Amino acid sequence: MAEIIHPFYESHRGAMEAAMRHRLDLAEAMLCERAHLSNIDGIRQEVMDEFEIVLTQMPYVGGAASRMSDFLMRLMGFMAISRVLRRHGVPLSVIGEIERETYKAQLLTVPEAERLASGRQFMSSENQTLLREQAAKSHQKEFPEDFVYDFVEPGPGDNFEFGINYKACGFCKFAARHGDKEILPNICGLDFDAYATGGIHLERTQTLAGGANHCNFRFSRLPSN
């Protein structure tokens, strides 16, 4: 019996596959020069085939009603890339470098004004209100594979505008379920560039993937944003 893709992800499948193909285009030179791979067309097909598997494995966490659905859709494809490169013997550190540089290059194809506007929206008081509400809702654990997190207000002497402590992570749960714990830290590493390209400074000193009891995200605006 063929594995089924959740209808929510099926409705976004075309966009996710297009994003994957774009990433592979951006990564091509690095795959040759750093990963020392030669059959790039074959690697590309392997990654897209693996991504089809990942799509069937992606947990539903509330669809459009959950901000975390977007994170899963944007980043889960890197699980497919990591799996394939690992099978070809590429060191984890090299996989991480290739993925981070590829993701940054992809993010920078979005016009700067649009990226910075998105960053300002994320840091806005309106979005902080929404984050507080969704953080409280996450503790209801409506979806077992979802993220659980707290909104963090800055205290006296803190130099961040707000924070999020992730107590449970959908990527960690996915990795544990499907044998991807080894490649999980590379997914965590993508966060810094994702926020920086939107004019946001992320400070994080610990992660669930690294063995801590929560991930401590702290956000502030980069200068001139």
N, C-alpha and C. Protein backbone atom coordinates (compact mmCIF):
# COMPACT_ATOMS: atom_id res chain seq x y z
N MET A 1 0.85 -1.20 0.00
CA MET A 1 0.00 0.00 0.00
C MET A 1 0.88 1.25 0.00
N ALA A 2 0.60 2.17 -0.89
CA ALA A 2 1.38 3.40 -1.00
C ALA A 2 1.18 4.28 0.23
N GLU A 3 2.26 4.92 0.67
CA GLU A 3 2.16 5.83 1.80
C GLU A 3 1.39 7.08 1.37
N ILE A 4 0.63 7.63 2.31
CA ILE A 4 -0.25 8.76 2.00
C ILE A 4 0.37 10.06 2.52
N ILE A 5 0.31 11.10 1.71
CA ILE A 5 0.70 12.45 2.14
C ILE A 5 -0.53 13.14 2.70
N HIS A 6 -0.38 13.78 3.85
CA HIS A 6 -1.52 14.48 4.45
C HIS A 6 -2.07 15.51 3.47
N PRO A 7 -3.39 15.64 3.38
CA PRO A 7 -3.99 16.58 2.41
C PRO A 7 -3.46 18.01 2.52
N PHE A 8 -3.13 18.46 3.74
CA PHE A 8 -2.60 19.81 3.89
C PHE A 8 -1.27 19.95 3.16
N TYR A 9 -0.39 18.97 3.34
CA TYR A 9 0.91 19.02 2.67
C TYR A 9 0.77 18.74 1.18
N GLU A 10 -0.17 17.91 0.82
CA GLU A 10 -0.42 17.64 -0.60
C GLU A 10 -0.80 18.93 -1.32
N SER A 11 -1.57 19.79 -0.63
CA SER A 11 -1.99 21.05 -1.25
C SER A 11 -0.83 22.01 -1.47
N HIS A 12 0.27 21.82 -0.73
CA HIS A 12 1.46 22.67 -0.85
C HIS A 12 2.60 21.93 -1.54
N ARG A 13 2.34 20.74 -2.02
CA ARG A 13 3.39 19.88 -2.54
C ARG A 13 4.15 20.52 -3.71
N GLY A 14 3.44 21.12 -4.62
CA GLY A 14 4.09 21.73 -5.78
C GLY A 14 5.11 22.78 -5.39
N ALA A 15 4.72 23.64 -4.44
CA ALA A 15 5.63 24.70 -4.00
C ALA A 15 6.83 24.12 -3.26
N MET A 16 6.60 23.10 -2.45
CA MET A 16 7.70 22.49 -1.71
C MET A 16 8.68 21.80 -2.66
N GLU A 17 8.16 21.11 -3.66
CA GLU A 17 9.04 20.44 -4.62
C GLU A 17 9.83 21.46 -5.44
N ALA A 18 9.19 22.57 -5.80
CA ALA A 18 9.89 23.62 -6.54
C ALA A 18 11.02 24.21 -5.70
N ALA A 19 10.76 24.41 -4.40
CA ALA A 19 11.79 24.93 -3.50
C ALA A 19 12.95 23.96 -3.40
N MET A 20 12.64 22.65 -3.39
CA MET A 20 13.70 21.65 -3.32
C MET A 20 14.56 21.68 -4.58
N ARG A 21 13.92 21.77 -5.73
CA ARG A 21 14.69 21.82 -6.98
C ARG A 21 15.58 23.06 -7.03
N HIS A 22 15.06 24.18 -6.53
CA HIS A 22 15.84 25.42 -6.48
C HIS A 22 17.06 25.24 -5.58
N ARG A 23 16.86 24.60 -4.43
CA ARG A 23 17.98 24.36 -3.51
C ARG A 23 19.06 23.51 -4.17
N LEU A 24 18.63 22.50 -4.87
CA LEU A 24 19.60 21.63 -5.53
C LEU A 24 20.38 22.36 -6.61
N ASP A 25 19.72 23.29 -7.30
CA ASP A 25 20.43 24.13 -8.27
C ASP A 25 21.51 24.96 -7.57
N LEU A 26 21.13 25.56 -6.43
CA LEU A 26 22.05 26.42 -5.70
C LEU A 26 23.20 25.62 -5.08
N ALA A 27 22.92 24.37 -4.75
CA ALA A 27 23.92 23.54 -4.07
C ALA A 27 24.86 22.82 -5.03
N GLU A 28 24.58 22.84 -6.31
CA GLU A 28 25.28 21.98 -7.26
C GLU A 28 26.81 22.12 -7.19
N ALA A 29 27.30 23.36 -7.22
CA ALA A 29 28.76 23.56 -7.21
C ALA A 29 29.36 23.03 -5.91
N MET A 30 28.68 23.26 -4.78
CA MET A 30 29.20 22.79 -3.49
C MET A 30 29.19 21.27 -3.42
N LEU A 31 28.18 20.64 -4.01
CA LEU A 31 28.13 19.18 -4.01
C LEU A 31 29.33 18.60 -4.75
N CYS A 32 29.74 19.30 -5.80
CA CYS A 32 30.92 18.84 -6.55
C CYS A 32 32.22 19.13 -5.80
N GLU A 33 32.35 20.39 -5.34
CA GLU A 33 33.64 20.85 -4.82
C GLU A 33 33.88 20.42 -3.37
N ARG A 34 32.84 20.41 -2.54
CA ARG A 34 33.03 20.11 -1.11
C ARG A 34 32.65 18.69 -0.75
N ALA A 35 31.58 18.19 -1.37
CA ALA A 35 31.14 16.82 -1.07
C ALA A 35 31.83 15.81 -1.99
N HIS A 36 32.51 16.32 -3.02
CA HIS A 36 33.25 15.48 -3.97
C HIS A 36 32.35 14.44 -4.63
N LEU A 37 31.16 14.88 -4.99
CA LEU A 37 30.22 14.02 -5.70
C LEU A 37 30.27 14.36 -7.19
N SER A 38 30.15 13.35 -8.02
CA SER A 38 30.27 13.59 -9.46
C SER A 38 28.94 13.44 -10.20
N ASN A 39 28.16 12.44 -9.86
CA ASN A 39 26.89 12.21 -10.57
C ASN A 39 25.80 13.09 -9.97
N ILE A 40 25.86 14.37 -10.28
CA ILE A 40 24.94 15.32 -9.65
C ILE A 40 23.49 15.07 -10.08
N ASP A 41 23.30 14.69 -11.33
CA ASP A 41 21.93 14.38 -11.77
C ASP A 41 21.36 13.21 -10.98
N GLY A 42 22.20 12.22 -10.71
CA GLY A 42 21.76 11.08 -9.91
C GLY A 42 21.46 11.48 -8.48
N ILE A 43 22.31 12.34 -7.90
CA ILE A 43 22.09 12.83 -6.53
C ILE A 43 20.79 13.62 -6.46
N ARG A 44 20.58 14.46 -7.46
CA ARG A 44 19.36 15.27 -7.52
C ARG A 44 18.12 14.37 -7.51
N GLN A 45 18.15 13.31 -8.31
CA GLN A 45 17.00 12.40 -8.36
C GLN A 45 16.82 11.65 -7.04
N GLU A 46 17.94 11.26 -6.43
CA GLU A 46 17.87 10.58 -5.13
C GLU A 46 17.23 11.48 -4.08
N VAL A 47 17.63 12.74 -4.09
CA VAL A 47 17.08 13.68 -3.10
C VAL A 47 15.57 13.87 -3.32
N MET A 48 15.16 14.04 -4.57
CA MET A 48 13.74 14.24 -4.83
C MET A 48 12.95 12.97 -4.48
N ASP A 49 13.51 11.81 -4.73
CA ASP A 49 12.84 10.56 -4.34
C ASP A 49 12.73 10.46 -2.82
N GLU A 50 13.81 10.85 -2.14
CA GLU A 50 13.78 10.82 -0.66
C GLU A 50 12.79 11.83 -0.12
N PHE A 51 12.68 12.97 -0.80
CA PHE A 51 11.73 13.98 -0.37
C PHE A 51 10.29 13.47 -0.46
N GLU A 52 10.01 12.64 -1.45
CA GLU A 52 8.68 12.03 -1.54
C GLU A 52 8.41 11.18 -0.30
N ILE A 53 9.43 10.50 0.20
CA ILE A 53 9.28 9.72 1.42
C ILE A 53 9.05 10.64 2.62
N VAL A 54 9.85 11.70 2.70
CA VAL A 54 9.71 12.66 3.80
C VAL A 54 8.30 13.25 3.83
N LEU A 55 7.75 13.55 2.67
CA LEU A 55 6.40 14.13 2.61
C LEU A 55 5.38 13.20 3.26
N THR A 56 5.54 11.89 3.08
CA THR A 56 4.60 10.95 3.70
C THR A 56 4.81 10.84 5.20
N GLN A 57 5.99 11.22 5.66
CA GLN A 57 6.33 11.09 7.08
C GLN A 57 6.03 12.36 7.88
N MET A 58 5.82 13.47 7.20
CA MET A 58 5.64 14.75 7.89
C MET A 58 4.41 14.73 8.79
N PRO A 59 4.57 15.10 10.05
CA PRO A 59 3.43 15.09 10.97
C PRO A 59 2.53 16.31 10.75
N TYR A 60 1.25 16.10 10.89
CA TYR A 60 0.30 17.22 10.80
C TYR A 60 0.23 17.89 12.16
N VAL A 61 0.45 19.20 12.19
CA VAL A 61 0.47 19.93 13.47
C VAL A 61 -0.56 21.06 13.51
N GLY A 62 -1.57 20.97 12.65
CA GLY A 62 -2.63 21.97 12.69
C GLY A 62 -2.81 22.75 11.41
N GLY A 63 -2.00 22.49 10.41
CA GLY A 63 -2.18 23.15 9.12
C GLY A 63 -2.03 24.65 9.20
N ALA A 64 -2.88 25.37 8.49
CA ALA A 64 -2.78 26.82 8.39
C ALA A 64 -2.99 27.51 9.74
N ALA A 65 -3.62 26.83 10.70
CA ALA A 65 -3.89 27.44 12.00
C ALA A 65 -2.65 27.47 12.89
N SER A 66 -1.60 26.74 12.51
CA SER A 66 -0.39 26.66 13.33
C SER A 66 0.79 27.28 12.62
N ARG A 67 1.50 28.18 13.30
CA ARG A 67 2.70 28.80 12.73
C ARG A 67 3.80 27.77 12.48
N MET A 68 3.73 26.64 13.18
CA MET A 68 4.80 25.66 13.04
C MET A 68 4.69 24.86 11.75
N SER A 69 3.53 24.83 11.13
CA SER A 69 3.38 24.13 9.85
C SER A 69 4.32 24.71 8.81
N ASP A 70 4.46 26.03 8.82
CA ASP A 70 5.33 26.70 7.85
C ASP A 70 6.78 26.30 8.06
N PHE A 71 7.22 26.20 9.31
CA PHE A 71 8.59 25.77 9.60
C PHE A 71 8.84 24.36 9.08
N LEU A 72 7.89 23.48 9.31
CA LEU A 72 8.04 22.11 8.83
C LEU A 72 8.13 22.08 7.31
N MET A 73 7.26 22.82 6.64
CA MET A 73 7.25 22.79 5.18
C MET A 73 8.52 23.40 4.59
N ARG A 74 9.07 24.41 5.25
CA ARG A 74 10.26 25.06 4.70
C ARG A 74 11.54 24.28 4.97
N LEU A 75 11.60 23.56 6.10
CA LEU A 75 12.87 22.97 6.51
C LEU A 75 12.94 21.46 6.39
N MET A 76 11.81 20.77 6.32
CA MET A 76 11.86 19.32 6.34
C MET A 76 12.56 18.74 5.10
N GLY A 77 12.58 19.47 4.02
CA GLY A 77 13.28 19.00 2.83
C GLY A 77 14.77 18.79 3.06
N PHE A 78 15.34 19.53 4.03
CA PHE A 78 16.75 19.35 4.33
C PHE A 78 17.02 17.99 4.97
N MET A 79 15.99 17.38 5.56
CA MET A 79 16.14 16.01 6.04
C MET A 79 16.44 15.07 4.87
N ALA A 80 15.74 15.30 3.76
CA ALA A 80 15.96 14.46 2.57
C ALA A 80 17.37 14.65 2.03
N ILE A 81 17.80 15.91 1.96
CA ILE A 81 19.17 16.18 1.47
C ILE A 81 20.20 15.51 2.38
N SER A 82 20.01 15.68 3.70
CA SER A 82 20.96 15.10 4.66
C SER A 82 21.01 13.59 4.55
N ARG A 83 19.87 12.95 4.44
CA ARG A 83 19.84 11.49 4.34
C ARG A 83 20.64 11.00 3.14
N VAL A 84 20.41 11.63 2.00
CA VAL A 84 21.08 11.19 0.77
C VAL A 84 22.58 11.44 0.85
N LEU A 85 22.98 12.62 1.29
CA LEU A 85 24.42 12.91 1.37
C LEU A 85 25.11 12.02 2.39
N ARG A 86 24.42 11.71 3.48
CA ARG A 86 25.00 10.81 4.48
C ARG A 86 25.22 9.42 3.89
N ARG A 87 24.25 8.97 3.10
CA ARG A 87 24.39 7.65 2.47
C ARG A 87 25.58 7.61 1.51
N HIS A 88 25.94 8.77 0.98
CA HIS A 88 27.08 8.84 0.06
C HIS A 88 28.38 9.15 0.80
N GLY A 89 28.34 9.08 2.12
CA GLY A 89 29.56 9.22 2.91
C GLY A 89 30.04 10.64 3.13
N VAL A 90 29.19 11.62 2.88
CA VAL A 90 29.60 13.01 3.10
C VAL A 90 29.60 13.29 4.61
N PRO A 91 30.69 13.85 5.16
CA PRO A 91 30.75 14.13 6.60
C PRO A 91 29.62 15.06 7.05
N LEU A 92 29.17 14.86 8.28
CA LEU A 92 28.06 15.68 8.81
C LEU A 92 28.38 17.16 8.77
N SER A 93 29.62 17.53 9.09
CA SER A 93 29.99 18.94 9.11
C SER A 93 29.89 19.56 7.72
N VAL A 94 30.27 18.80 6.70
CA VAL A 94 30.20 19.29 5.33
C VAL A 94 28.73 19.41 4.89
N ILE A 95 27.92 18.42 5.28
CA ILE A 95 26.49 18.50 4.97
C ILE A 95 25.91 19.77 5.58
N GLY A 96 26.26 20.05 6.84
CA GLY A 96 25.74 21.24 7.51
C GLY A 96 26.13 22.52 6.80
N GLU A 97 27.39 22.61 6.37
CA GLU A 97 27.87 23.81 5.66
C GLU A 97 27.13 24.00 4.34
N ILE A 98 26.99 22.92 3.60
CA ILE A 98 26.32 23.00 2.30
C ILE A 98 24.87 23.42 2.48
N GLU A 99 24.20 22.83 3.45
CA GLU A 99 22.78 23.16 3.64
C GLU A 99 22.59 24.59 4.11
N ARG A 100 23.44 25.03 5.02
CA ARG A 100 23.28 26.39 5.54
C ARG A 100 23.56 27.43 4.45
N GLU A 101 24.60 27.22 3.67
CA GLU A 101 24.91 28.18 2.61
C GLU A 101 23.86 28.14 1.49
N THR A 102 23.37 26.95 1.23
CA THR A 102 22.31 26.82 0.22
C THR A 102 21.05 27.54 0.66
N TYR A 103 20.67 27.34 1.92
CA TYR A 103 19.45 27.97 2.43
C TYR A 103 19.58 29.48 2.45
N LYS A 104 20.77 29.97 2.87
CA LYS A 104 20.98 31.42 2.89
C LYS A 104 20.87 31.99 1.48
N ALA A 105 21.48 31.30 0.51
CA ALA A 105 21.41 31.77 -0.87
C ALA A 105 19.97 31.79 -1.37
N GLN A 106 19.21 30.80 -0.99
CA GLN A 106 17.80 30.76 -1.40
C GLN A 106 17.01 31.89 -0.75
N LEU A 107 17.25 32.13 0.52
CA LEU A 107 16.54 33.21 1.21
C LEU A 107 16.87 34.56 0.60
N LEU A 108 18.12 34.73 0.17
CA LEU A 108 18.55 36.02 -0.38
C LEU A 108 18.04 36.28 -1.79
N THR A 109 17.38 35.29 -2.40
CA THR A 109 16.74 35.54 -3.70
C THR A 109 15.46 36.35 -3.53
N VAL A 110 14.95 36.42 -2.29
CA VAL A 110 13.78 37.27 -2.00
C VAL A 110 14.27 38.70 -1.88
N PRO A 111 13.58 39.67 -2.50
CA PRO A 111 14.03 41.06 -2.43
C PRO A 111 14.21 41.53 -0.98
N GLU A 112 15.26 42.33 -0.76
CA GLU A 112 15.60 42.77 0.60
C GLU A 112 14.42 43.46 1.29
N ALA A 113 13.73 44.33 0.58
CA ALA A 113 12.62 45.06 1.20
C ALA A 113 11.55 44.10 1.71
N GLU A 114 11.31 43.05 0.95
CA GLU A 114 10.31 42.06 1.35
C GLU A 114 10.79 41.27 2.58
N ARG A 115 12.07 40.91 2.58
CA ARG A 115 12.62 40.16 3.71
C ARG A 115 12.57 40.99 5.00
N LEU A 116 12.97 42.25 4.89
CA LEU A 116 13.00 43.10 6.08
C LEU A 116 11.59 43.42 6.58
N ALA A 117 10.66 43.56 5.67
CA ALA A 117 9.27 43.79 6.07
C ALA A 117 8.73 42.58 6.83
N SER A 118 9.08 41.40 6.37
CA SER A 118 8.67 40.18 7.06
C SER A 118 9.30 40.10 8.45
N GLY A 119 10.56 40.51 8.54
CA GLY A 119 11.23 40.53 9.83
C GLY A 119 10.59 41.51 10.79
N ARG A 120 10.23 42.70 10.31
CA ARG A 120 9.57 43.69 11.16
C ARG A 120 8.22 43.18 11.64
N GLN A 121 7.52 42.48 10.76
CA GLN A 121 6.24 41.92 11.15
C GLN A 121 6.42 40.88 12.26
N PHE A 122 7.47 40.05 12.14
CA PHE A 122 7.72 39.04 13.16
C PHE A 122 8.00 39.68 14.52
N MET A 123 8.73 40.79 14.52
CA MET A 123 9.10 41.46 15.77
C MET A 123 8.00 42.38 16.30
N SER A 124 6.94 42.59 15.54
CA SER A 124 5.90 43.54 15.91
C SER A 124 5.15 43.12 17.17
N SER A 125 4.57 44.11 17.84
CA SER A 125 3.78 43.82 19.05
C SER A 125 2.58 42.95 18.72
N GLU A 126 2.01 43.14 17.52
CA GLU A 126 0.87 42.31 17.12
C GLU A 126 1.27 40.84 17.01
N ASN A 127 2.43 40.59 16.43
CA ASN A 127 2.88 39.20 16.30
C ASN A 127 3.27 38.63 17.65
N GLN A 128 3.84 39.45 18.52
CA GLN A 128 4.17 38.96 19.85
C GLN A 128 2.91 38.53 20.60
N THR A 129 1.83 39.26 20.41
CA THR A 129 0.56 38.87 21.02
C THR A 129 0.11 37.51 20.49
N LEU A 130 0.23 37.33 19.17
CA LEU A 130 -0.14 36.05 18.56
C LEU A 130 0.76 34.93 19.08
N LEU A 131 2.05 35.20 19.22
CA LEU A 131 2.97 34.19 19.73
C LEU A 131 2.62 33.78 21.16
N ARG A 132 2.24 34.74 21.98
CA ARG A 132 1.82 34.41 23.35
C ARG A 132 0.62 33.46 23.33
N GLU A 133 -0.34 33.78 22.45
CA GLU A 133 -1.55 32.96 22.37
C GLU A 133 -1.22 31.56 21.88
N GLN A 134 -0.38 31.46 20.84
CA GLN A 134 -0.07 30.14 20.29
C GLN A 134 0.82 29.34 21.24
N ALA A 135 1.67 30.03 21.99
CA ALA A 135 2.50 29.33 22.98
C ALA A 135 1.61 28.70 24.04
N ALA A 136 0.63 29.46 24.53
CA ALA A 136 -0.28 28.91 25.53
C ALA A 136 -1.06 27.72 24.96
N LYS A 137 -1.50 27.86 23.72
CA LYS A 137 -2.26 26.78 23.06
C LYS A 137 -1.41 25.53 22.85
N SER A 138 -0.11 25.72 22.61
CA SER A 138 0.76 24.57 22.33
C SER A 138 0.79 23.59 23.50
N HIS A 139 0.56 24.10 24.72
CA HIS A 139 0.61 23.24 25.90
C HIS A 139 -0.61 22.32 26.00
N GLN A 140 -1.61 22.56 25.18
CA GLN A 140 -2.76 21.65 25.14
C GLN A 140 -2.40 20.34 24.43
N LYS A 141 -1.30 20.37 23.68
CA LYS A 141 -0.78 19.17 22.99
C LYS A 141 -1.86 18.47 22.17
N GLU A 142 -2.54 19.29 21.36
CA GLU A 142 -3.60 18.76 20.50
C GLU A 142 -3.06 17.76 19.49
N PHE A 143 -1.84 18.04 19.00
CA PHE A 143 -1.20 17.16 18.02
C PHE A 143 0.08 16.60 18.65
N PRO A 144 0.17 15.28 18.83
CA PRO A 144 1.29 14.68 19.58
C PRO A 144 2.67 15.00 19.02
N GLU A 145 2.78 15.21 17.70
CA GLU A 145 4.09 15.45 17.09
C GLU A 145 4.43 16.93 16.99
N ASP A 146 3.63 17.78 17.60
CA ASP A 146 3.79 19.22 17.48
C ASP A 146 4.87 19.75 18.43
N PHE A 147 5.17 21.04 18.27
CA PHE A 147 6.06 21.77 19.15
C PHE A 147 5.29 22.23 20.39
N VAL A 148 5.98 22.33 21.51
CA VAL A 148 5.42 22.90 22.74
C VAL A 148 6.39 23.98 23.20
N TYR A 149 5.87 25.18 23.47
CA TYR A 149 6.80 26.27 23.76
C TYR A 149 6.18 27.33 24.65
N ASP A 150 7.06 28.13 25.25
CA ASP A 150 6.67 29.26 26.10
C ASP A 150 7.17 30.55 25.48
N PHE A 151 6.37 31.60 25.61
CA PHE A 151 6.81 32.94 25.25
C PHE A 151 7.61 33.51 26.41
N VAL A 152 8.74 34.15 26.13
CA VAL A 152 9.62 34.66 27.19
C VAL A 152 9.69 36.18 27.11
N GLU A 153 9.30 36.84 28.21
CA GLU A 153 9.42 38.29 28.31
C GLU A 153 10.82 38.64 28.81
N PRO A 154 11.41 39.73 28.29
CA PRO A 154 12.74 40.13 28.80
C PRO A 154 12.65 40.64 30.23
N GLY A 155 13.68 40.34 30.99
CA GLY A 155 13.76 40.84 32.36
C GLY A 155 14.72 42.01 32.44
N PRO A 156 14.90 42.58 33.63
CA PRO A 156 15.84 43.69 33.81
C PRO A 156 17.24 43.29 33.36
N GLY A 157 17.84 44.11 32.52
CA GLY A 157 19.19 43.84 32.06
C GLY A 157 19.27 42.96 30.83
N ASP A 158 18.15 42.37 30.41
CA ASP A 158 18.17 41.55 29.20
C ASP A 158 18.28 42.43 27.97
N ASN A 159 18.99 41.97 26.95
CA ASN A 159 19.17 42.78 25.74
C ASN A 159 18.44 42.18 24.55
N PHE A 160 17.37 41.40 24.81
CA PHE A 160 16.54 40.88 23.72
C PHE A 160 15.13 41.43 23.87
N GLU A 161 14.38 41.43 22.77
CA GLU A 161 13.03 41.98 22.80
C GLU A 161 12.00 40.97 23.29
N PHE A 162 12.18 39.72 22.89
CA PHE A 162 11.36 38.63 23.42
C PHE A 162 12.04 37.32 23.08
N GLY A 163 11.57 36.27 23.69
CA GLY A 163 12.16 34.97 23.43
C GLY A 163 11.11 33.88 23.35
N ILE A 164 11.54 32.72 22.91
CA ILE A 164 10.70 31.53 22.90
C ILE A 164 11.54 30.38 23.43
N ASN A 165 11.01 29.68 24.41
CA ASN A 165 11.64 28.45 24.90
C ASN A 165 10.84 27.26 24.36
N TYR A 166 11.47 26.50 23.49
CA TYR A 166 10.81 25.31 22.94
C TYR A 166 11.06 24.14 23.88
N LYS A 167 9.99 23.62 24.47
CA LYS A 167 10.08 22.50 25.41
C LYS A 167 9.97 21.16 24.69
N ALA A 168 9.33 21.16 23.54
CA ALA A 168 9.23 19.96 22.70
C ALA A 168 9.30 20.43 21.25
N CYS A 169 9.98 19.65 20.41
CA CYS A 169 10.26 20.08 19.04
C CYS A 169 9.77 19.04 18.04
N GLY A 170 9.03 19.50 17.06
CA GLY A 170 8.53 18.60 16.02
C GLY A 170 9.64 17.95 15.21
N PHE A 171 10.75 18.68 15.00
CA PHE A 171 11.87 18.11 14.26
C PHE A 171 12.56 17.01 15.08
N CYS A 172 12.68 17.24 16.41
CA CYS A 172 13.29 16.23 17.27
C CYS A 172 12.44 14.96 17.30
N LYS A 173 11.13 15.14 17.39
CA LYS A 173 10.22 13.98 17.41
C LYS A 173 10.31 13.22 16.09
N PHE A 174 10.35 13.96 15.00
CA PHE A 174 10.48 13.36 13.68
C PHE A 174 11.78 12.57 13.58
N ALA A 175 12.88 13.18 14.01
CA ALA A 175 14.19 12.54 13.92
C ALA A 175 14.24 11.26 14.75
N ALA A 176 13.65 11.31 15.94
CA ALA A 176 13.64 10.13 16.80
C ALA A 176 12.82 9.01 16.18
N ARG A 177 11.72 9.38 15.55
CA ARG A 177 10.82 8.38 14.96
C ARG A 177 11.44 7.73 13.72
N HIS A 178 12.18 8.50 12.94
CA HIS A 178 12.63 8.01 11.63
C HIS A 178 14.14 7.79 11.53
N GLY A 179 14.85 7.82 12.66
CA GLY A 179 16.27 7.51 12.64
C GLY A 179 17.16 8.61 12.10
N ASP A 180 16.75 9.86 12.33
CA ASP A 180 17.50 11.00 11.78
C ASP A 180 18.22 11.81 12.85
N LYS A 181 18.42 11.26 14.04
CA LYS A 181 19.01 12.05 15.12
C LYS A 181 20.40 12.57 14.78
N GLU A 182 21.15 11.79 14.01
CA GLU A 182 22.52 12.18 13.66
C GLU A 182 22.55 13.46 12.84
N ILE A 183 21.56 13.63 11.96
CA ILE A 183 21.56 14.79 11.07
C ILE A 183 20.74 15.96 11.62
N LEU A 184 20.07 15.76 12.74
CA LEU A 184 19.19 16.78 13.30
C LEU A 184 19.88 18.12 13.58
N PRO A 185 21.09 18.13 14.18
CA PRO A 185 21.72 19.42 14.48
C PRO A 185 21.91 20.31 13.25
N ASN A 186 22.08 19.71 12.07
CA ASN A 186 22.21 20.52 10.86
C ASN A 186 20.94 21.30 10.56
N ILE A 187 19.79 20.72 10.90
CA ILE A 187 18.52 21.43 10.71
C ILE A 187 18.45 22.61 11.67
N CYS A 188 18.89 22.40 12.91
CA CYS A 188 18.90 23.49 13.90
C CYS A 188 19.75 24.66 13.42
N GLY A 189 20.84 24.35 12.73
CA GLY A 189 21.76 25.40 12.29
C GLY A 189 21.20 26.34 11.26
N LEU A 190 20.10 25.95 10.61
CA LEU A 190 19.51 26.79 9.58
C LEU A 190 18.80 28.01 10.15
N ASP A 191 18.47 27.98 11.44
CA ASP A 191 17.66 29.05 12.04
C ASP A 191 18.35 30.41 11.99
N PHE A 192 19.66 30.42 12.21
CA PHE A 192 20.35 31.71 12.34
C PHE A 192 20.27 32.54 11.06
N ASP A 193 20.53 31.92 9.92
CA ASP A 193 20.45 32.65 8.66
C ASP A 193 19.01 33.00 8.30
N ALA A 194 18.08 32.12 8.66
CA ALA A 194 16.68 32.39 8.36
C ALA A 194 16.22 33.69 9.00
N TYR A 195 16.63 33.91 10.24
CA TYR A 195 16.25 35.15 10.92
C TYR A 195 17.11 36.32 10.47
N ALA A 196 18.42 36.10 10.30
CA ALA A 196 19.32 37.19 9.94
C ALA A 196 18.95 37.83 8.61
N THR A 197 18.51 37.03 7.64
CA THR A 197 18.15 37.60 6.34
C THR A 197 16.89 38.45 6.43
N GLY A 198 16.17 38.33 7.54
CA GLY A 198 15.01 39.19 7.77
C GLY A 198 15.30 40.34 8.71
N GLY A 199 16.58 40.56 9.02
CA GLY A 199 16.96 41.69 9.88
C GLY A 199 16.82 41.40 11.36
N ILE A 200 16.84 40.12 11.73
CA ILE A 200 16.63 39.72 13.12
C ILE A 200 17.87 38.99 13.63
N HIS A 201 18.31 39.36 14.83
CA HIS A 201 19.41 38.65 15.47
C HIS A 201 18.84 37.57 16.38
N LEU A 202 19.26 36.35 16.14
CA LEU A 202 18.88 35.23 16.99
C LEU A 202 20.06 34.86 17.87
N GLU A 203 19.83 34.81 19.16
CA GLU A 203 20.80 34.26 20.08
C GLU A 203 20.22 32.97 20.65
N ARG A 204 21.01 31.91 20.61
CA ARG A 204 20.56 30.63 21.16
C ARG A 204 21.77 29.88 21.66
N THR A 205 21.75 29.48 22.92
CA THR A 205 22.91 28.85 23.53
C THR A 205 22.71 27.37 23.81
N GLN A 206 21.50 26.86 23.61
CA GLN A 206 21.26 25.45 23.87
C GLN A 206 20.07 24.97 23.04
N THR A 207 20.06 23.66 22.76
CA THR A 207 18.96 23.08 21.99
C THR A 207 18.56 21.73 22.58
N LEU A 208 17.34 21.36 22.31
CA LEU A 208 16.87 20.02 22.66
C LEU A 208 17.70 18.97 21.94
N ALA A 209 18.02 19.24 20.67
CA ALA A 209 18.82 18.29 19.89
C ALA A 209 20.20 18.09 20.51
N GLY A 210 20.70 19.11 21.19
CA GLY A 210 22.00 19.01 21.83
C GLY A 210 21.95 18.46 23.24
N GLY A 211 20.76 18.07 23.69
CA GLY A 211 20.62 17.44 25.00
C GLY A 211 20.08 18.34 26.09
N ALA A 212 19.80 19.61 25.78
CA ALA A 212 19.22 20.51 26.79
C ALA A 212 17.73 20.19 26.99
N ASN A 213 17.16 20.77 28.06
CA ASN A 213 15.74 20.51 28.31
C ASN A 213 14.83 21.49 27.58
N HIS A 214 15.43 22.47 26.90
CA HIS A 214 14.66 23.34 26.01
C HIS A 214 15.61 24.09 25.10
N CYS A 215 15.08 24.62 23.99
CA CYS A 215 15.83 25.50 23.09
C CYS A 215 15.53 26.93 23.48
N ASN A 216 16.55 27.73 23.72
CA ASN A 216 16.33 29.10 24.20
C ASN A 216 16.55 30.12 23.08
N PHE A 217 15.52 30.39 22.32
CA PHE A 217 15.57 31.40 21.26
C PHE A 217 15.38 32.78 21.88
N ARG A 218 16.27 33.72 21.53
CA ARG A 218 16.15 35.11 21.98
C ARG A 218 16.29 36.02 20.76
N PHE A 219 15.33 36.90 20.58
CA PHE A 219 15.26 37.70 19.36
C PHE A 219 15.48 39.19 19.65
N SER A 220 16.25 39.82 18.78
CA SER A 220 16.39 41.28 18.80
C SER A 220 16.59 41.75 17.36
N ARG A 221 16.40 43.02 17.13
CA ARG A 221 16.54 43.57 15.79
C ARG A 221 18.00 43.86 15.48
N LEU A 222 18.43 43.54 14.28
CA LEU A 222 19.74 43.94 13.83
C LEU A 222 19.74 45.45 13.59
N PRO A 223 20.88 46.13 13.68
CA PRO A 223 20.94 47.58 13.45
C PRO A 223 20.29 47.97 12.13
N SER A 224 19.59 49.11 12.16
CA SER A 224 18.93 49.69 10.97
C SER A 224 17.69 48.92 10.54
N ASN A 225 17.17 48.04 11.40
CA ASN A 225 15.94 47.33 11.07
C ASN A 225 14.88 47.63 12.12
